[in-house]
Amino acid sequence: PTVTGEFEWSKTVQGHILGAFFWGYLGSQVLGGYLASRFGGKRVILACVLGSSLLTLASPVAARTNAYLLAGLRVAVGFLQGATFPAMHTMWSVWGPPLELSVLTGVTYAGAQIGNVFVLPLSGFLCQYGFDGGWPSIFYILGLIGVLWCALWMYMVSDKPMNHPRISEAEKQYITKAVEESIGKHTGKVSVMES
């Protein structure tokens, strides 16, 4: 059966919209790490997730206005999201004791994939049964979840262990000492010719 939708976009336009996120994502990897080292990973991740959540909330309006407005918005969402993993690495560099760092970064990357496991079936359900024509409810609900996540992030996360109000002094000392010892082992200068 033929399925008709709200939009009559050519395959080319559909491809531009679907690929737009990745063009933005590609453009912010190095910048995300730089900004996180300068301003702190907590702030960079907060700004990126909050910004991309707000743009996600605006996606249905953009789509109903102009296909290329939606594509531009998706580039911006990708740009913001692309900075999050480098910013997270900046945070792990001060939070991750060397013996735990592999597990911590693994959990970070797995979390992104686990999110897809839940979001993709939810999106199918919302597309079929959601409000405002189905598909827009995906953007509204996920955008709202992102905004709520930001509130939790602000409350739960600190850039450095010593600034965290809810972990014990012993844990702060353990993390700080382990990270400092690890950094001390790796501060020797290495010639470009040796590497």
C-alpha atoms as a PDB file:
ATOM      1  CA  PRO A   1       0.000   0.000   0.000  1.00  0.00           C
ATOM      2  CA  THR A   2       1.051   3.554  -0.670  1.00  0.00           C
ATOM      3  CA  VAL A   3       1.798   5.554   2.450  1.00  0.00           C
ATOM      4  CA  THR A   4       1.210   9.269   2.297  1.00  0.00           C
ATOM      5  CA  GLY A   5       2.782  11.621   4.762  1.00  0.00           C
ATOM      6  CA  GLU A   6       2.646  15.234   5.748  1.00  0.00           C
ATOM      7  CA  PHE A   7       5.561  16.187   3.486  1.00  0.00           C
ATOM      8  CA  GLU A   8       6.304  15.654  -0.176  1.00  0.00           C
ATOM      9  CA  TRP A   9      10.087  15.838  -0.081  1.00  0.00           C
ATOM     10  CA  SER A  10      12.257  14.432  -2.859  1.00  0.00           C
ATOM     11  CA  LYS A  11      14.774  11.703  -2.089  1.00  0.00           C
ATOM     12  CA  THR A  12      17.533  14.318  -2.395  1.00  0.00           C
ATOM     13  CA  VAL A  13      15.926  16.591   0.202  1.00  0.00           C
ATOM     14  CA  GLN A  14      15.320  13.603   2.487  1.00  0.00           C
ATOM     15  CA  GLY A  15      18.992  12.669   2.150  1.00  0.00           C
ATOM     16  CA  HIS A  16      20.076  16.204   3.008  1.00  0.00           C
ATOM     17  CA  ILE A  17      17.911  16.202   6.128  1.00  0.00           C
ATOM     18  CA  LEU A  18      19.080  12.756   7.241  1.00  0.00           C
ATOM     19  CA  GLY A  19      22.753  13.582   6.652  1.00  0.00           C
ATOM     20  CA  ALA A  20      22.634  17.076   8.144  1.00  0.00           C
ATOM     21  CA  PHE A  21      23.180  15.931  11.742  1.00  0.00           C
ATOM     22  CA  PHE A  22      26.424  14.191  10.818  1.00  0.00           C
ATOM     23  CA  TRP A  23      27.826  17.215   8.988  1.00  0.00           C
ATOM     24  CA  GLY A  24      27.340  19.223  12.147  1.00  0.00           C
ATOM     25  CA  TYR A  25      28.704  16.440  14.334  1.00  0.00           C
ATOM     26  CA  LEU A  26      31.880  16.285  12.278  1.00  0.00           C
ATOM     27  CA  GLY A  27      32.529  19.976  12.793  1.00  0.00           C
ATOM     28  CA  SER A  28      32.695  20.127  16.581  1.00  0.00           C
ATOM     29  CA  GLN A  29      34.878  17.280  17.800  1.00  0.00           C
ATOM     30  CA  VAL A  30      38.076  19.261  18.369  1.00  0.00           C
ATOM     31  CA  LEU A  31      36.224  22.384  19.459  1.00  0.00           C
ATOM     32  CA  GLY A  32      34.319  20.439  22.129  1.00  0.00           C
ATOM     33  CA  GLY A  33      37.522  19.212  23.739  1.00  0.00           C
ATOM     34  CA  TYR A  34      39.082  22.660  23.642  1.00  0.00           C
ATOM     35  CA  LEU A  35      36.037  24.348  25.178  1.00  0.00           C
ATOM     36  CA  ALA A  36      35.764  21.694  27.887  1.00  0.00           C
ATOM     37  CA  SER A  37      39.415  22.097  28.869  1.00  0.00           C
ATOM     38  CA  ARG A  38      38.918  25.858  29.013  1.00  0.00           C
ATOM     39  CA  PHE A  39      35.472  26.151  30.650  1.00  0.00           C
ATOM     40  CA  GLY A  40      34.888  22.716  32.175  1.00  0.00           C
ATOM     41  CA  GLY A  41      33.176  19.642  30.816  1.00  0.00           C
ATOM     42  CA  LYS A  42      30.079  20.141  32.953  1.00  0.00           C
ATOM     43  CA  ARG A  43      29.291  23.511  31.369  1.00  0.00           C
ATOM     44  CA  VAL A  44      30.058  22.388  27.829  1.00  0.00           C
ATOM     45  CA  ILE A  45      27.940  19.252  28.107  1.00  0.00           C
ATOM     46  CA  LEU A  46      25.121  21.228  29.724  1.00  0.00           C
ATOM     47  CA  ALA A  47      25.178  23.861  26.969  1.00  0.00           C
ATOM     48  CA  CYS A  48      25.326  21.225  24.233  1.00  0.00           C
ATOM     49  CA  VAL A  49      22.536  19.025  25.583  1.00  0.00           C
ATOM     50  CA  LEU A  50      20.312  21.964  26.514  1.00  0.00           C
ATOM     51  CA  GLY A  51      20.872  23.623  23.136  1.00  0.00           C
ATOM     52  CA  SER A  52      20.248  20.448  21.178  1.00  0.00           C
ATOM     53  CA  SER A  53      17.157  19.685  23.295  1.00  0.00           C
ATOM     54  CA  LEU A  54      15.686  23.117  22.589  1.00  0.00           C
ATOM     55  CA  LEU A  55      16.442  22.733  18.878  1.00  0.00           C
ATOM     56  CA  THR A  56      14.828  19.288  18.977  1.00  0.00           C
ATOM     57  CA  LEU A  57      11.696  20.866  20.456  1.00  0.00           C
ATOM     58  CA  ALA A  58      11.709  23.338  17.542  1.00  0.00           C
ATOM     59  CA  SER A  59      12.124  20.627  14.879  1.00  0.00           C
ATOM     60  CA  PRO A  60       8.432  20.085  14.021  1.00  0.00           C
ATOM     61  CA  VAL A  61       7.912  23.821  13.480  1.00  0.00           C
ATOM     62  CA  ALA A  62      11.059  23.958  11.333  1.00  0.00           C
ATOM     63  CA  ALA A  63       9.932  20.946   9.285  1.00  0.00           C
ATOM     64  CA  ARG A  64       6.525  22.495   8.672  1.00  0.00           C
ATOM     65  CA  THR A  65       8.141  25.779   7.649  1.00  0.00           C
ATOM     66  CA  ASN A  66      10.845  24.645   5.219  1.00  0.00           C
ATOM     67  CA  ALA A  67      12.777  21.416   4.636  1.00  0.00           C
ATOM     68  CA  TYR A  68      16.104  23.232   4.540  1.00  0.00           C
ATOM     69  CA  LEU A  69      15.315  25.080   7.762  1.00  0.00           C
ATOM     70  CA  LEU A  70      14.953  21.636   9.332  1.00  0.00           C
ATOM     71  CA  ALA A  71      18.223  20.525   7.711  1.00  0.00           C
ATOM     72  CA  GLY A  72      20.000  23.597   9.103  1.00  0.00           C
ATOM     73  CA  LEU A  73      18.555  22.923  12.524  1.00  0.00           C
ATOM     74  CA  ARG A  74      19.788  19.315  12.316  1.00  0.00           C
ATOM     75  CA  VAL A  75      23.290  20.567  11.420  1.00  0.00           C
ATOM     76  CA  ALA A  76      23.180  22.709  14.577  1.00  0.00           C
ATOM     77  CA  VAL A  77      21.976  19.765  16.695  1.00  0.00           C
ATOM     78  CA  GLY A  78      24.786  17.619  15.302  1.00  0.00           C
ATOM     79  CA  PHE A  79      27.319  20.362  15.996  1.00  0.00           C
ATOM     80  CA  LEU A  80      26.197  20.580  19.615  1.00  0.00           C
ATOM     81  CA  GLN A  81      26.073  16.813  20.103  1.00  0.00           C
ATOM     82  CA  GLY A  82      29.501  16.353  18.525  1.00  0.00           C
ATOM     83  CA  ALA A  83      31.117  18.305  21.341  1.00  0.00           C
ATOM     84  CA  THR A  84      29.715  16.120  24.124  1.00  0.00           C
ATOM     85  CA  PHE A  85      32.048  13.112  23.912  1.00  0.00           C
ATOM     86  CA  PRO A  86      35.254  15.185  23.846  1.00  0.00           C
ATOM     87  CA  ALA A  87      33.878  17.162  26.805  1.00  0.00           C
ATOM     88  CA  MET A  88      33.145  13.922  28.637  1.00  0.00           C
ATOM     89  CA  HIS A  89      36.733  12.804  28.097  1.00  0.00           C
ATOM     90  CA  THR A  90      37.880  16.052  29.691  1.00  0.00           C
ATOM     91  CA  MET A  91      35.762  15.205  32.730  1.00  0.00           C
ATOM     92  CA  TRP A  92      37.023  11.625  32.924  1.00  0.00           C
ATOM     93  CA  SER A  93      40.588  12.944  32.879  1.00  0.00           C
ATOM     94  CA  VAL A  94      40.010  14.344  36.386  1.00  0.00           C
ATOM     95  CA  TRP A  95      37.373  11.889  37.612  1.00  0.00           C
ATOM     96  CA  GLY A  96      38.700   8.565  36.358  1.00  0.00           C
ATOM     97  CA  PRO A  97      41.261   6.677  38.412  1.00  0.00           C
ATOM     98  CA  PRO A  98      43.495   4.827  35.919  1.00  0.00           C
ATOM     99  CA  LEU A  99      42.334   1.365  36.964  1.00  0.00           C
ATOM    100  CA  GLU A 100      38.695   2.368  36.457  1.00  0.00           C
ATOM    101  CA  LEU A 101      39.005   4.645  33.433  1.00  0.00           C
ATOM    102  CA  SER A 102      38.352   1.979  30.793  1.00  0.00           C
ATOM    103  CA  VAL A 103      35.145   0.907  32.503  1.00  0.00           C
ATOM    104  CA  LEU A 104      33.981   4.506  32.982  1.00  0.00           C
ATOM    105  CA  THR A 105      34.514   5.448  29.348  1.00  0.00           C
ATOM    106  CA  GLY A 106      32.938   2.152  28.266  1.00  0.00           C
ATOM    107  CA  VAL A 107      29.833   2.939  30.312  1.00  0.00           C
ATOM    108  CA  THR A 108      29.708   6.402  28.733  1.00  0.00           C
ATOM    109  CA  TYR A 109      29.756   5.007  25.191  1.00  0.00           C
ATOM    110  CA  ALA A 110      27.405   2.137  26.055  1.00  0.00           C
ATOM    111  CA  GLY A 111      24.939   4.634  27.504  1.00  0.00           C
ATOM    112  CA  ALA A 112      24.595   6.306  24.129  1.00  0.00           C
ATOM    113  CA  GLN A 113      23.805   2.976  22.471  1.00  0.00           C
ATOM    114  CA  ILE A 114      21.444   1.902  25.261  1.00  0.00           C
ATOM    115  CA  GLY A 115      19.583   5.151  24.695  1.00  0.00           C
ATOM    116  CA  ASN A 116      19.033   4.126  21.073  1.00  0.00           C
ATOM    117  CA  VAL A 117      17.685   0.749  22.186  1.00  0.00           C
ATOM    118  CA  PHE A 118      14.898   2.538  24.069  1.00  0.00           C
ATOM    119  CA  VAL A 119      14.365   5.574  21.843  1.00  0.00           C
ATOM    120  CA  LEU A 120      13.928   3.767  18.525  1.00  0.00           C
ATOM    121  CA  PRO A 121      10.963   1.599  19.617  1.00  0.00           C
ATOM    122  CA  LEU A 122       9.496   4.563  21.533  1.00  0.00           C
ATOM    123  CA  SER A 123       9.765   6.658  18.372  1.00  0.00           C
ATOM    124  CA  GLY A 124       7.888   4.054  16.356  1.00  0.00           C
ATOM    125  CA  PHE A 125       5.150   3.953  18.978  1.00  0.00           C
ATOM    126  CA  LEU A 126       4.895   7.757  19.137  1.00  0.00           C
ATOM    127  CA  CYS A 127       4.859   8.030  15.354  1.00  0.00           C
ATOM    128  CA  GLN A 128       1.833   5.726  15.295  1.00  0.00           C
ATOM    129  CA  TYR A 129      -0.035   6.917  18.397  1.00  0.00           C
ATOM    130  CA  GLY A 130       1.498  10.247  19.445  1.00  0.00           C
ATOM    131  CA  PHE A 131      -0.082  13.676  19.453  1.00  0.00           C
ATOM    132  CA  ASP A 132       0.131  16.435  16.795  1.00  0.00           C
ATOM    133  CA  GLY A 133       0.121  13.948  13.946  1.00  0.00           C
ATOM    134  CA  GLY A 134       2.386  11.368  15.573  1.00  0.00           C
ATOM    135  CA  TRP A 135       5.906  12.138  14.392  1.00  0.00           C
ATOM    136  CA  PRO A 136       6.149  15.600  16.053  1.00  0.00           C
ATOM    137  CA  SER A 137       5.512  14.032  19.460  1.00  0.00           C
ATOM    138  CA  ILE A 138       8.858  12.222  19.103  1.00  0.00           C
ATOM    139  CA  PHE A 139      10.666  15.554  18.976  1.00  0.00           C
ATOM    140  CA  TYR A 140       8.587  17.140  21.737  1.00  0.00           C
ATOM    141  CA  ILE A 141       8.976  14.249  24.173  1.00  0.00           C
ATOM    142  CA  LEU A 142      12.678  13.655  23.511  1.00  0.00           C
ATOM    143  CA  GLY A 143      13.393  17.390  23.664  1.00  0.00           C
ATOM    144  CA  LEU A 144      11.596  17.598  27.002  1.00  0.00           C
ATOM    145  CA  ILE A 145      13.515  14.574  28.313  1.00  0.00           C
ATOM    146  CA  GLY A 146      16.740  16.346  27.311  1.00  0.00           C
ATOM    147  CA  VAL A 147      15.750  19.502  29.203  1.00  0.00           C
ATOM    148  CA  LEU A 148      14.882  17.454  32.306  1.00  0.00           C
ATOM    149  CA  TRP A 149      18.184  15.577  31.965  1.00  0.00           C
ATOM    150  CA  CYS A 150      19.960  18.958  32.063  1.00  0.00           C
ATOM    151  CA  ALA A 151      18.338  19.778  35.408  1.00  0.00           C
ATOM    152  CA  LEU A 152      19.598  16.466  36.823  1.00  0.00           C
ATOM    153  CA  TRP A 153      23.043  17.065  35.305  1.00  0.00           C
ATOM    154  CA  MET A 154      23.312  20.460  37.020  1.00  0.00           C
ATOM    155  CA  TYR A 155      22.386  18.950  40.373  1.00  0.00           C
ATOM    156  CA  MET A 156      24.363  15.701  40.191  1.00  0.00           C
ATOM    157  CA  VAL A 157      27.623  16.581  38.403  1.00  0.00           C
ATOM    158  CA  SER A 158      30.740  18.561  39.281  1.00  0.00           C
ATOM    159  CA  ASP A 159      33.737  19.242  37.069  1.00  0.00           C
ATOM    160  CA  LYS A 160      36.166  18.058  39.736  1.00  0.00           C
ATOM    161  CA  PRO A 161      35.864  15.592  42.607  1.00  0.00           C
ATOM    162  CA  MET A 162      36.961  18.180  45.175  1.00  0.00           C
ATOM    163  CA  ASN A 163      33.999  20.407  44.207  1.00  0.00           C
ATOM    164  CA  HIS A 164      31.366  17.682  44.483  1.00  0.00           C
ATOM    165  CA  PRO A 165      29.102  18.208  47.505  1.00  0.00           C
ATOM    166  CA  ARG A 166      27.715  14.674  47.706  1.00  0.00           C
ATOM    167  CA  ILE A 167      30.723  12.361  47.720  1.00  0.00           C
ATOM    168  CA  SER A 168      32.745  11.532  50.803  1.00  0.00           C
ATOM    169  CA  GLU A 169      36.051  13.157  51.622  1.00  0.00           C
ATOM    170  CA  ALA A 170      37.724   9.732  51.402  1.00  0.00           C
ATOM    171  CA  GLU A 171      36.398   9.216  47.871  1.00  0.00           C
ATOM    172  CA  LYS A 172      37.519  12.705  46.836  1.00  0.00           C
ATOM    173  CA  GLN A 173      41.016  11.967  48.137  1.00  0.00           C
ATOM    174  CA  TYR A 174      41.140   8.539  46.449  1.00  0.00           C
ATOM    175  CA  ILE A 175      40.131   9.901  43.036  1.00  0.00           C
ATOM    176  CA  THR A 176      42.348  12.975  43.212  1.00  0.00           C
ATOM    177  CA  LYS A 177      45.407  11.046  44.379  1.00  0.00           C
ATOM    178  CA  ALA A 178      44.987   8.273  41.782  1.00  0.00           C
ATOM    179  CA  VAL A 179      44.590  10.758  38.928  1.00  0.00           C
ATOM    180  CA  GLU A 180      47.521  12.904  40.102  1.00  0.00           C
ATOM    181  CA  GLU A 181      49.786   9.845  40.349  1.00  0.00           C
ATOM    182  CA  SER A 182      48.776   8.785  36.851  1.00  0.00           C
ATOM    183  CA  ILE A 183      49.482  12.252  35.449  1.00  0.00           C
ATOM    184  CA  GLY A 184      52.858  12.297  37.209  1.00  0.00           C
ATOM    185  CA  LYS A 185      53.876   9.117  35.381  1.00  0.00           C
ATOM    186  CA  HIS A 186      53.046  10.575  31.972  1.00  0.00           C
ATOM    187  CA  THR A 187      54.471  14.090  32.032  1.00  0.00           C
ATOM    188  CA  GLY A 188      57.842  13.307  30.489  1.00  0.00           C
ATOM    189  CA  LYS A 189      58.540  15.036  27.207  1.00  0.00           C
ATOM    190  CA  VAL A 190      58.491  12.853  24.139  1.00  0.00           C
ATOM    191  CA  SER A 191      60.167  13.802  20.905  1.00  0.00           C
ATOM    192  CA  VAL A 192      58.055  13.704  17.774  1.00  0.00           C
ATOM    193  CA  MET A 193      60.757  11.524  16.253  1.00  0.00           C
ATOM    194  CA  GLU A 194      60.392   8.977  19.085  1.00  0.00           C
ATOM    195  CA  SER A 195      56.629   8.615  18.829  1.00  0.00           C
END
